[in-house]
């Protein structure tokens, strides 16, 4: 087979650091209805970022704000159009009323709220950096000797106990049979029909 008729080779083992995902569906058909391969659409390999629904960077990004435009809120039906000049004046009034009220409250309350949230985020960062992270690190440091002691206790005392209990119950024998015909001395539905 000619490499030109098969298409580009798929990436079987991608390098984990270049954000490439394996592409197994990349090779296209050699011709479609007599069209030469050169005119076929080429499928480009996709990166993991393009494929993933949850890219790592997207976790902390905020979604864009909802658009609050006059035409988006007061959308008229196709057959019911008001006067163009009236719609233009209404849009102008809506836009400047919204902008004026927003700016008024931004001046009055915005500065106070920005100061408040600045203090809150500063406290959260301070507590995280100077108390929570060192406490977690200390916990992991203390966990290692405890894990070594726990493993020694389990191997010394509990493993022989459970092995002994396992040996006691290993002598129990049982047999299980599965009968599709039913229990003995019990008539099946087929036998009951035959008797009638």
N, C-alpha and C. Protein backbone atom coordinates (compact mmCIF):
# COMPACT_ATOMS: atom_id res chain seq x y z
N UNK A 1 0.83 -1.19 0.00
CA UNK A 1 0.00 0.00 0.00
C UNK A 1 0.86 1.24 0.00
N UNK A 2 0.41 2.21 -0.69
CA UNK A 2 1.11 3.47 -0.78
C UNK A 2 0.73 4.34 0.41
N UNK A 3 1.72 5.02 0.99
CA UNK A 3 1.44 5.87 2.16
C UNK A 3 0.53 7.03 1.80
N UNK A 4 0.56 7.42 0.51
CA UNK A 4 -0.28 8.54 0.09
C UNK A 4 -1.76 8.16 0.07
N UNK A 5 -2.07 6.92 -0.17
CA UNK A 5 -3.47 6.51 -0.24
C UNK A 5 -4.04 6.16 1.12
N UNK A 6 -3.19 5.93 2.09
CA UNK A 6 -3.69 5.55 3.41
C UNK A 6 -3.97 6.76 4.28
N UNK A 7 -3.21 7.81 4.13
CA UNK A 7 -3.39 8.99 4.97
C UNK A 7 -2.31 9.05 6.01
N UNK A 8 -2.32 10.06 6.83
CA UNK A 8 -1.29 10.20 7.85
C UNK A 8 -1.42 9.11 8.90
N UNK A 9 -0.26 8.72 9.44
CA UNK A 9 -0.25 7.65 10.44
C UNK A 9 -0.79 8.16 11.76
N UNK A 10 -1.57 7.34 12.47
CA UNK A 10 -2.09 7.78 13.77
C UNK A 10 -0.99 7.79 14.81
N UNK A 11 -1.16 8.61 15.83
CA UNK A 11 -0.23 8.69 16.94
C UNK A 11 -0.61 7.59 17.92
N UNK A 12 0.19 6.53 17.99
CA UNK A 12 -0.17 5.39 18.82
C UNK A 12 0.23 5.60 20.28
N UNK A 13 1.45 6.05 20.51
CA UNK A 13 1.91 6.28 21.88
C UNK A 13 2.34 7.73 22.00
N UNK A 14 1.44 8.59 22.38
CA UNK A 14 1.79 10.02 22.43
C UNK A 14 2.72 10.32 23.58
N UNK A 15 3.47 11.35 23.41
CA UNK A 15 4.33 11.84 24.48
C UNK A 15 3.43 12.46 25.54
N UNK A 16 3.54 12.06 26.82
CA UNK A 16 2.61 12.58 27.82
C UNK A 16 2.78 14.06 28.12
N UNK A 17 3.89 14.65 27.71
CA UNK A 17 4.14 16.03 28.08
C UNK A 17 3.78 17.03 26.98
N UNK A 18 3.34 16.55 25.82
CA UNK A 18 3.01 17.50 24.77
C UNK A 18 1.51 17.62 24.56
N UNK A 19 0.72 17.11 25.48
CA UNK A 19 -0.74 17.23 25.47
C UNK A 19 -1.36 16.67 24.20
N UNK A 20 -0.81 15.55 23.73
CA UNK A 20 -1.38 14.89 22.56
C UNK A 20 -2.13 13.66 23.00
N UNK A 21 -3.31 13.48 22.47
CA UNK A 21 -4.09 12.27 22.74
C UNK A 21 -3.92 11.33 21.56
N UNK A 22 -3.97 10.00 21.79
CA UNK A 22 -3.87 9.07 20.67
C UNK A 22 -5.02 9.28 19.69
N UNK A 23 -4.69 9.24 18.42
CA UNK A 23 -5.71 9.42 17.39
C UNK A 23 -5.76 8.13 16.59
N UNK A 24 -6.80 7.35 16.77
CA UNK A 24 -6.92 6.08 16.08
C UNK A 24 -7.86 6.18 14.88
N UNK A 25 -8.59 7.25 14.75
CA UNK A 25 -9.56 7.40 13.68
C UNK A 25 -9.07 8.35 12.59
N UNK A 26 -7.76 8.58 12.53
CA UNK A 26 -7.24 9.62 11.68
C UNK A 26 -7.18 9.21 10.21
N UNK A 27 -6.86 7.95 9.89
CA UNK A 27 -6.69 7.55 8.51
C UNK A 27 -8.04 7.56 7.81
N UNK A 28 -8.13 8.32 6.71
CA UNK A 28 -9.39 8.41 5.98
C UNK A 28 -9.37 7.45 4.80
N UNK A 29 -10.52 7.28 4.19
CA UNK A 29 -10.63 6.41 3.03
C UNK A 29 -9.83 7.00 1.88
N UNK A 30 -9.26 6.14 0.99
CA UNK A 30 -8.44 6.67 -0.09
C UNK A 30 -9.21 7.55 -1.06
N UNK A 31 -10.42 7.17 -1.43
CA UNK A 31 -11.20 8.00 -2.34
C UNK A 31 -12.65 7.95 -1.93
N UNK A 32 -13.34 9.02 -2.24
CA UNK A 32 -14.78 9.07 -2.02
C UNK A 32 -15.41 9.46 -3.34
N UNK A 33 -16.17 8.59 -3.92
CA UNK A 33 -16.89 8.79 -5.17
C UNK A 33 -15.95 9.35 -6.24
N UNK A 34 -14.83 8.68 -6.44
CA UNK A 34 -13.92 9.05 -7.51
C UNK A 34 -13.08 10.28 -7.25
N UNK A 35 -13.18 10.85 -6.06
CA UNK A 35 -12.41 12.05 -5.74
C UNK A 35 -11.00 11.62 -5.34
N UNK A 36 -9.95 12.22 -5.90
CA UNK A 36 -8.60 11.81 -5.53
C UNK A 36 -8.30 12.15 -4.07
N UNK A 37 -7.30 11.46 -3.54
CA UNK A 37 -6.98 11.60 -2.12
C UNK A 37 -6.54 13.01 -1.76
N UNK A 38 -5.90 13.71 -2.68
CA UNK A 38 -5.40 15.05 -2.38
C UNK A 38 -6.52 16.00 -2.00
N UNK A 39 -7.74 15.75 -2.51
CA UNK A 39 -8.87 16.64 -2.23
C UNK A 39 -9.70 16.17 -1.04
N UNK A 40 -9.26 15.11 -0.38
CA UNK A 40 -9.98 14.61 0.79
C UNK A 40 -9.73 15.55 1.96
N UNK A 41 -10.71 15.72 2.84
CA UNK A 41 -10.45 16.53 4.05
C UNK A 41 -9.50 15.78 4.97
N UNK A 42 -8.49 16.48 5.46
CA UNK A 42 -7.50 15.88 6.34
C UNK A 42 -7.95 16.08 7.77
N UNK A 43 -7.97 14.99 8.53
CA UNK A 43 -8.35 15.05 9.94
C UNK A 43 -7.10 15.33 10.75
N UNK A 44 -7.07 16.47 11.39
CA UNK A 44 -5.92 16.84 12.20
C UNK A 44 -6.02 16.17 13.57
N UNK A 45 -4.89 15.74 14.14
CA UNK A 45 -4.96 15.16 15.49
C UNK A 45 -5.35 16.22 16.50
N UNK A 46 -6.14 15.81 17.47
CA UNK A 46 -6.60 16.74 18.49
C UNK A 46 -5.74 16.60 19.73
N UNK A 47 -5.59 17.69 20.43
CA UNK A 47 -4.85 17.65 21.67
C UNK A 47 -5.79 17.28 22.80
N UNK A 48 -5.22 16.93 23.94
CA UNK A 48 -6.06 16.57 25.09
C UNK A 48 -6.91 17.74 25.54
N UNK A 49 -6.39 18.94 25.40
CA UNK A 49 -7.14 20.11 25.82
C UNK A 49 -8.40 20.28 24.97
N UNK A 50 -8.30 19.96 23.67
CA UNK A 50 -9.47 20.08 22.80
C UNK A 50 -10.48 18.97 23.08
N UNK A 51 -10.00 17.80 23.52
CA UNK A 51 -10.89 16.66 23.75
C UNK A 51 -11.52 16.73 25.13
N UNK A 52 -10.76 17.13 26.13
CA UNK A 52 -11.21 17.07 27.51
C UNK A 52 -12.32 18.08 27.78
N UNK A 53 -13.31 17.64 28.55
CA UNK A 53 -14.36 18.55 28.99
C UNK A 53 -13.88 19.40 30.16
N UNK A 54 -12.93 18.87 30.93
CA UNK A 54 -12.48 19.54 32.13
C UNK A 54 -10.98 19.75 32.03
N UNK A 55 -10.56 20.77 31.30
CA UNK A 55 -9.14 21.08 31.24
C UNK A 55 -8.71 21.60 32.60
N UNK A 56 -7.45 21.33 32.93
CA UNK A 56 -6.98 21.67 34.26
C UNK A 56 -7.04 23.17 34.53
N UNK A 57 -6.74 23.97 33.50
CA UNK A 57 -6.76 25.41 33.69
C UNK A 57 -8.18 25.94 33.81
N UNK A 58 -9.15 25.24 33.22
CA UNK A 58 -10.52 25.73 33.24
C UNK A 58 -11.18 25.59 34.60
N UNK A 59 -10.56 24.85 35.52
CA UNK A 59 -11.17 24.59 36.81
C UNK A 59 -11.40 25.88 37.60
N UNK A 60 -10.47 26.82 37.51
CA UNK A 60 -10.57 28.03 38.31
C UNK A 60 -11.01 29.25 37.51
N UNK A 61 -11.25 29.08 36.21
CA UNK A 61 -11.71 30.21 35.41
C UNK A 61 -13.19 30.43 35.64
N UNK A 62 -13.57 31.68 35.73
CA UNK A 62 -14.99 32.00 35.89
C UNK A 62 -15.62 32.12 34.52
N UNK A 63 -16.85 31.70 34.42
CA UNK A 63 -17.56 31.81 33.14
C UNK A 63 -17.84 33.28 32.86
N UNK A 64 -17.96 33.63 31.59
CA UNK A 64 -18.24 35.04 31.28
C UNK A 64 -19.61 35.44 31.81
N UNK A 65 -19.77 36.72 32.15
CA UNK A 65 -21.07 37.15 32.69
C UNK A 65 -22.17 37.05 31.63
N UNK A 66 -23.38 36.93 32.11
CA UNK A 66 -24.53 36.85 31.22
C UNK A 66 -24.73 38.20 30.55
N UNK A 67 -24.97 38.17 29.25
CA UNK A 67 -25.20 39.43 28.54
C UNK A 67 -26.60 39.94 28.86
N UNK A 68 -26.66 41.19 29.30
CA UNK A 68 -27.94 41.80 29.64
C UNK A 68 -28.16 42.97 28.68
N UNK A 69 -28.40 42.64 27.45
CA UNK A 69 -28.68 43.64 26.42
C UNK A 69 -30.19 43.79 26.27
N UNK A 70 -30.59 44.95 25.80
CA UNK A 70 -32.02 45.21 25.61
C UNK A 70 -32.62 44.23 24.62
N UNK A 71 -31.91 43.97 23.52
CA UNK A 71 -32.45 43.09 22.48
C UNK A 71 -32.53 41.64 22.95
N UNK A 72 -31.69 41.25 23.91
CA UNK A 72 -31.75 39.88 24.44
C UNK A 72 -32.89 39.71 25.44
N UNK A 73 -33.20 40.75 26.19
CA UNK A 73 -34.24 40.65 27.22
C UNK A 73 -35.62 40.86 26.63
N UNK A 74 -35.78 41.93 25.85
CA UNK A 74 -37.08 42.27 25.28
C UNK A 74 -37.12 41.85 23.81
N UNK A 75 -37.10 40.57 23.58
CA UNK A 75 -37.10 40.05 22.22
C UNK A 75 -38.53 39.90 21.75
N UNK A 76 -38.84 40.54 20.64
CA UNK A 76 -40.20 40.48 20.09
C UNK A 76 -40.32 39.29 19.15
N UNK A 77 -41.53 38.81 19.00
CA UNK A 77 -41.79 37.73 18.06
C UNK A 77 -41.58 38.23 16.64
N UNK A 78 -41.41 37.30 15.70
CA UNK A 78 -41.13 37.68 14.32
C UNK A 78 -42.26 38.51 13.71
N UNK A 79 -43.49 38.16 14.00
CA UNK A 79 -44.61 38.86 13.39
C UNK A 79 -45.04 40.11 14.12
N UNK A 80 -44.55 40.34 15.32
CA UNK A 80 -45.01 41.48 16.14
C UNK A 80 -43.86 42.45 16.34
N UNK A 81 -43.58 43.26 15.35
CA UNK A 81 -42.52 44.26 15.46
C UNK A 81 -43.12 45.61 15.77
N UNK A 82 -42.56 46.28 16.78
CA UNK A 82 -43.03 47.62 17.11
C UNK A 82 -42.32 48.62 16.20
N UNK A 83 -42.54 49.89 16.44
CA UNK A 83 -41.90 50.92 15.64
C UNK A 83 -40.40 50.91 15.90
N UNK A 84 -39.62 51.08 14.86
CA UNK A 84 -38.17 51.05 14.99
C UNK A 84 -37.67 52.16 15.91
N UNK A 85 -38.24 53.34 15.77
CA UNK A 85 -37.80 54.47 16.60
C UNK A 85 -38.13 54.22 18.07
N UNK A 86 -39.31 53.61 18.34
CA UNK A 86 -39.70 53.30 19.72
C UNK A 86 -38.75 52.26 20.32
N UNK A 87 -38.39 51.24 19.54
CA UNK A 87 -37.45 50.23 20.03
C UNK A 87 -36.08 50.84 20.28
N UNK A 88 -35.67 51.77 19.44
CA UNK A 88 -34.38 52.43 19.61
C UNK A 88 -34.37 53.28 20.88
N UNK A 89 -35.44 54.04 21.11
CA UNK A 89 -35.53 54.89 22.32
C UNK A 89 -35.60 54.01 23.57
N UNK A 90 -36.38 52.94 23.51
CA UNK A 90 -36.49 52.03 24.67
C UNK A 90 -35.14 51.40 24.98
N UNK A 91 -34.41 50.98 23.96
CA UNK A 91 -33.08 50.41 24.17
C UNK A 91 -32.12 51.41 24.77
N UNK A 92 -32.20 52.68 24.31
CA UNK A 92 -31.36 53.74 24.85
C UNK A 92 -31.65 53.98 26.33
N UNK A 93 -32.95 54.08 26.67
CA UNK A 93 -33.35 54.30 28.07
C UNK A 93 -32.90 53.13 28.94
N UNK A 94 -33.12 51.91 28.46
CA UNK A 94 -32.73 50.72 29.23
C UNK A 94 -31.22 50.70 29.47
N UNK A 95 -30.44 50.93 28.42
CA UNK A 95 -28.99 50.86 28.53
C UNK A 95 -28.46 51.88 29.53
N UNK A 96 -28.90 53.13 29.43
CA UNK A 96 -28.35 54.17 30.29
C UNK A 96 -28.91 54.10 31.71
N UNK A 97 -30.13 53.62 31.88
CA UNK A 97 -30.64 53.41 33.23
C UNK A 97 -29.85 52.32 33.93
N UNK A 98 -29.65 51.22 33.23
CA UNK A 98 -28.89 50.11 33.80
C UNK A 98 -27.46 50.54 34.12
N UNK A 99 -26.82 51.23 33.19
CA UNK A 99 -25.45 51.67 33.39
C UNK A 99 -25.35 52.69 34.53
N UNK A 100 -26.30 53.61 34.61
CA UNK A 100 -26.28 54.62 35.67
C UNK A 100 -26.47 54.01 37.05
N UNK A 101 -27.45 53.11 37.18
CA UNK A 101 -27.67 52.46 38.49
C UNK A 101 -26.46 51.61 38.87
N UNK A 102 -25.90 50.91 37.89
CA UNK A 102 -24.72 50.08 38.16
C UNK A 102 -23.55 50.94 38.65
N UNK A 103 -23.32 52.05 37.99
CA UNK A 103 -22.22 52.92 38.40
C UNK A 103 -22.49 53.57 39.75
N UNK A 104 -23.74 53.93 40.02
CA UNK A 104 -24.09 54.52 41.31
C UNK A 104 -23.78 53.55 42.45
N UNK A 105 -24.27 52.30 42.33
CA UNK A 105 -24.01 51.32 43.38
C UNK A 105 -22.55 50.90 43.43
N UNK A 106 -21.86 50.94 42.28
CA UNK A 106 -20.42 50.64 42.29
C UNK A 106 -19.66 51.67 43.11
N UNK A 107 -20.06 52.93 42.99
CA UNK A 107 -19.39 53.98 43.76
C UNK A 107 -19.75 53.87 45.24
N UNK A 108 -21.04 53.68 45.54
CA UNK A 108 -21.49 53.67 46.94
C UNK A 108 -21.06 52.39 47.66
N UNK A 109 -21.44 51.24 47.11
CA UNK A 109 -21.20 49.97 47.79
C UNK A 109 -19.99 49.21 47.27
N UNK A 110 -19.58 49.47 46.04
CA UNK A 110 -18.51 48.69 45.43
C UNK A 110 -17.21 48.77 46.19
N UNK A 111 -16.83 49.96 46.60
CA UNK A 111 -15.56 50.14 47.32
C UNK A 111 -15.59 49.42 48.66
N UNK A 112 -16.72 49.51 49.36
CA UNK A 112 -16.85 48.83 50.65
C UNK A 112 -16.79 47.31 50.47
N UNK A 113 -17.52 46.81 49.47
CA UNK A 113 -17.53 45.36 49.24
C UNK A 113 -16.19 44.84 48.74
N UNK A 114 -15.50 45.60 47.91
CA UNK A 114 -14.16 45.20 47.46
C UNK A 114 -13.22 45.13 48.65
N UNK A 115 -13.29 46.09 49.54
CA UNK A 115 -12.46 46.08 50.75
C UNK A 115 -12.80 44.86 51.60
N UNK A 116 -14.10 44.58 51.79
CA UNK A 116 -14.53 43.43 52.58
C UNK A 116 -14.02 42.12 51.98
N UNK A 117 -14.22 41.92 50.66
CA UNK A 117 -13.78 40.67 50.04
C UNK A 117 -12.26 40.57 49.98
N UNK A 118 -11.57 41.70 49.90
CA UNK A 118 -10.11 41.66 49.97
C UNK A 118 -9.64 41.13 51.31
N UNK A 119 -10.29 41.58 52.40
CA UNK A 119 -9.95 41.08 53.73
C UNK A 119 -10.25 39.59 53.84
N UNK A 120 -11.41 39.15 53.33
CA UNK A 120 -11.79 37.73 53.42
C UNK A 120 -10.77 36.86 52.69
N UNK A 121 -10.43 37.21 51.44
CA UNK A 121 -9.49 36.40 50.68
C UNK A 121 -8.09 36.45 51.28
N UNK A 122 -7.70 37.58 51.84
CA UNK A 122 -6.40 37.66 52.50
C UNK A 122 -6.36 36.74 53.71
N UNK A 123 -7.44 36.72 54.51
CA UNK A 123 -7.49 35.82 55.67
C UNK A 123 -7.46 34.35 55.24
N UNK A 124 -8.21 34.02 54.20
CA UNK A 124 -8.23 32.63 53.73
C UNK A 124 -6.85 32.21 53.25
N UNK A 125 -6.18 33.09 52.49
CA UNK A 125 -4.82 32.76 52.03
C UNK A 125 -3.86 32.64 53.20
N UNK A 126 -3.97 33.54 54.16
CA UNK A 126 -3.09 33.49 55.33
C UNK A 126 -3.29 32.19 56.10
N UNK A 127 -4.55 31.83 56.36
CA UNK A 127 -4.84 30.60 57.12
C UNK A 127 -4.36 29.38 56.35
N UNK A 128 -4.57 29.38 55.03
CA UNK A 128 -4.13 28.23 54.22
C UNK A 128 -2.62 28.07 54.25
N UNK A 129 -1.90 29.16 54.04
CA UNK A 129 -0.44 29.09 53.94
C UNK A 129 0.21 28.82 55.29
N UNK A 130 -0.27 29.47 56.34
CA UNK A 130 0.45 29.40 57.61
C UNK A 130 -0.13 28.42 58.62
N UNK A 131 -1.30 27.86 58.39
CA UNK A 131 -1.83 26.88 59.34
C UNK A 131 -2.21 25.55 58.69
N UNK A 132 -3.00 25.58 57.63
CA UNK A 132 -3.51 24.32 57.07
C UNK A 132 -2.40 23.52 56.39
N UNK A 133 -1.61 24.15 55.52
CA UNK A 133 -0.55 23.41 54.83
C UNK A 133 0.49 22.84 55.79
N UNK A 134 0.98 23.59 56.78
CA UNK A 134 1.92 22.97 57.73
C UNK A 134 1.28 21.85 58.56
N UNK A 135 -0.01 21.99 58.91
CA UNK A 135 -0.68 20.93 59.68
C UNK A 135 -0.79 19.66 58.86
N UNK A 136 -1.11 19.79 57.57
CA UNK A 136 -1.19 18.60 56.72
C UNK A 136 0.19 17.96 56.57
N UNK A 137 1.22 18.76 56.40
CA UNK A 137 2.58 18.23 56.28
C UNK A 137 2.98 17.51 57.57
N UNK A 138 2.65 18.09 58.72
CA UNK A 138 2.95 17.45 60.00
C UNK A 138 2.21 16.12 60.13
N UNK A 139 0.97 16.08 59.68
CA UNK A 139 0.18 14.85 59.73
C UNK A 139 0.85 13.75 58.90
N UNK A 140 1.34 14.10 57.70
CA UNK A 140 1.99 13.10 56.87
C UNK A 140 3.31 12.64 57.47
N UNK A 141 4.03 13.55 58.13
CA UNK A 141 5.28 13.16 58.78
C UNK A 141 5.00 12.18 59.92
N UNK A 142 3.96 12.44 60.71
CA UNK A 142 3.62 11.55 61.83
C UNK A 142 2.96 10.26 61.36
N UNK A 143 2.39 10.27 60.19
CA UNK A 143 1.69 9.09 59.69
C UNK A 143 2.65 7.95 59.36
N UNK A 144 3.86 8.26 58.90
CA UNK A 144 4.80 7.21 58.51
C UNK A 144 5.22 6.32 59.68
N UNK A 145 5.67 6.86 60.81
CA UNK A 145 6.00 5.94 61.92
C UNK A 145 4.78 5.17 62.42
N UNK A 146 3.62 5.81 62.42
CA UNK A 146 2.41 5.10 62.83
C UNK A 146 2.09 3.95 61.90
N UNK A 147 2.30 4.15 60.60
CA UNK A 147 2.04 3.08 59.63
C UNK A 147 3.01 1.93 59.83
N UNK A 148 4.27 2.23 60.14
CA UNK A 148 5.24 1.16 60.40
C UNK A 148 4.85 0.36 61.64
N UNK A 149 4.42 1.04 62.70
CA UNK A 149 4.00 0.36 63.92
C UNK A 149 2.74 -0.46 63.68
N UNK A 150 1.78 0.09 62.94
CA UNK A 150 0.54 -0.63 62.64
C UNK A 150 0.83 -1.90 61.83
N UNK A 151 1.73 -1.81 60.85
CA UNK A 151 2.07 -2.99 60.05
C UNK A 151 2.71 -4.07 60.92
N UNK A 152 3.58 -3.67 61.86
CA UNK A 152 4.22 -4.65 62.74
C UNK A 152 3.19 -5.35 63.63
N UNK A 153 2.23 -4.59 64.17
CA UNK A 153 1.20 -5.19 65.03
C UNK A 153 0.33 -6.15 64.23
N UNK A 154 -0.07 -5.76 63.05
CA UNK A 154 -0.92 -6.63 62.23
C UNK A 154 -0.18 -7.90 61.86
N UNK A 155 1.09 -7.80 61.44
CA UNK A 155 1.86 -8.98 61.04
C UNK A 155 2.15 -9.90 62.23
N UNK A 156 2.36 -9.31 63.40
CA UNK A 156 2.72 -10.13 64.56
C UNK A 156 1.53 -10.80 65.22
N UNK A 157 0.42 -10.09 65.34
CA UNK A 157 -0.69 -10.61 66.14
C UNK A 157 -1.92 -11.00 65.31
N UNK A 158 -2.30 -10.18 64.38
CA UNK A 158 -3.56 -10.44 63.68
C UNK A 158 -3.42 -11.45 62.54
N UNK A 159 -2.30 -11.44 61.81
CA UNK A 159 -2.13 -12.42 60.72
C UNK A 159 -2.19 -13.86 61.22
N UNK A 160 -1.47 -14.22 62.30
CA UNK A 160 -1.59 -15.62 62.78
C UNK A 160 -3.00 -15.96 63.25
N UNK A 161 -3.69 -15.00 63.86
CA UNK A 161 -5.05 -15.25 64.34
C UNK A 161 -5.97 -15.57 63.17
N UNK A 162 -5.95 -14.73 62.14
CA UNK A 162 -6.85 -14.96 61.00
C UNK A 162 -6.46 -16.19 60.20
N UNK A 163 -5.15 -16.52 60.15
CA UNK A 163 -4.74 -17.76 59.48
C UNK A 163 -5.26 -18.97 60.24
N UNK A 164 -5.22 -18.92 61.56
CA UNK A 164 -5.75 -20.04 62.36
C UNK A 164 -7.25 -20.20 62.16
N UNK A 165 -7.98 -19.11 62.16
CA UNK A 165 -9.42 -19.18 61.93
C UNK A 165 -9.71 -19.71 60.53
N UNK A 166 -8.91 -19.31 59.56
CA UNK A 166 -9.07 -19.82 58.20
C UNK A 166 -8.83 -21.31 58.13
N UNK A 167 -7.82 -21.81 58.87
CA UNK A 167 -7.57 -23.26 58.88
C UNK A 167 -8.71 -24.02 59.54
N UNK A 168 -9.30 -23.46 60.59
CA UNK A 168 -10.42 -24.13 61.26
C UNK A 168 -11.57 -24.31 60.27
N UNK A 169 -11.90 -23.27 59.53
CA UNK A 169 -13.03 -23.36 58.62
C UNK A 169 -12.68 -24.01 57.28
N UNK A 170 -11.40 -24.28 57.03
CA UNK A 170 -11.04 -24.94 55.78
C UNK A 170 -11.41 -26.42 55.78
N UNK A 171 -11.67 -26.99 56.95
CA UNK A 171 -12.07 -28.40 57.05
C UNK A 171 -13.57 -28.59 56.78
N UNK A 172 -14.33 -27.53 56.70
CA UNK A 172 -15.76 -27.65 56.46
C UNK A 172 -15.97 -27.96 54.98
N UNK A 173 -16.68 -29.07 54.72
CA UNK A 173 -16.97 -29.47 53.35
C UNK A 173 -18.46 -29.35 53.11
N UNK A 174 -18.81 -28.98 51.93
CA UNK A 174 -20.22 -28.89 51.58
C UNK A 174 -20.39 -29.19 50.10
N UNK A 175 -21.61 -29.48 49.73
CA UNK A 175 -21.89 -29.77 48.33
C UNK A 175 -23.16 -29.04 47.93
N UNK A 176 -23.14 -28.53 46.75
CA UNK A 176 -24.28 -27.76 46.26
C UNK A 176 -24.64 -28.30 44.89
N UNK A 177 -25.89 -28.63 44.73
CA UNK A 177 -26.36 -29.09 43.42
C UNK A 177 -27.52 -28.21 42.99
N UNK A 178 -27.64 -28.07 41.71
CA UNK A 178 -28.68 -27.23 41.14
C UNK A 178 -29.56 -28.10 40.26
N UNK A 179 -30.85 -28.15 40.59
CA UNK A 179 -31.77 -29.02 39.88
C UNK A 179 -32.80 -28.15 39.16
N UNK A 180 -32.87 -28.29 37.84
CA UNK A 180 -33.82 -27.50 37.07
C UNK A 180 -35.21 -28.11 37.05
N UNK A 181 -35.32 -29.36 37.46
CA UNK A 181 -36.62 -30.03 37.41
C UNK A 181 -37.48 -29.75 38.63
N UNK A 182 -36.94 -29.20 39.65
CA UNK A 182 -37.71 -28.93 40.85
C UNK A 182 -37.32 -29.88 41.97
N UNK A 183 -37.98 -29.75 43.10
CA UNK A 183 -37.71 -30.61 44.24
C UNK A 183 -38.32 -31.99 44.02
N UNK A 184 -37.76 -32.97 44.72
CA UNK A 184 -38.32 -34.32 44.61
C UNK A 184 -39.72 -34.34 45.19
N UNK A 185 -40.59 -35.18 44.64
CA UNK A 185 -41.97 -35.35 45.05
C UNK A 185 -42.80 -34.08 44.86
N UNK A 186 -42.33 -33.19 44.05
CA UNK A 186 -43.09 -31.98 43.77
C UNK A 186 -43.39 -31.96 42.28
N UNK A 187 -44.63 -31.75 41.97
CA UNK A 187 -45.02 -31.77 40.58
C UNK A 187 -44.66 -30.44 39.93
N UNK A 188 -44.11 -30.54 38.76
CA UNK A 188 -43.80 -29.33 38.01
C UNK A 188 -45.03 -28.90 37.24
N UNK A 189 -44.98 -27.75 36.65
CA UNK A 189 -46.12 -27.24 35.89
C UNK A 189 -46.41 -28.14 34.69
N UNK A 190 -45.36 -28.66 34.06
CA UNK A 190 -45.55 -29.55 32.91
C UNK A 190 -46.23 -30.84 33.34
N UNK A 191 -45.79 -31.42 34.49
CA UNK A 191 -46.41 -32.66 34.97
C UNK A 191 -47.86 -32.43 35.36
N UNK A 192 -48.17 -31.28 35.95
CA UNK A 192 -49.55 -30.99 36.33
C UNK A 192 -50.43 -30.87 35.10
N UNK A 193 -49.93 -30.32 34.03
CA UNK A 193 -50.71 -30.20 32.80
C UNK A 193 -50.95 -31.57 32.19
N UNK A 194 -49.91 -32.44 32.23
CA UNK A 194 -50.05 -33.77 31.65
C UNK A 194 -51.09 -34.60 32.39
N UNK A 195 -51.20 -34.44 33.72
CA UNK A 195 -52.17 -35.23 34.49
C UNK A 195 -53.60 -34.82 34.16
N UNK A 196 -53.84 -33.57 33.84
CA UNK A 196 -55.19 -33.08 33.57
C UNK A 196 -55.59 -33.58 32.24
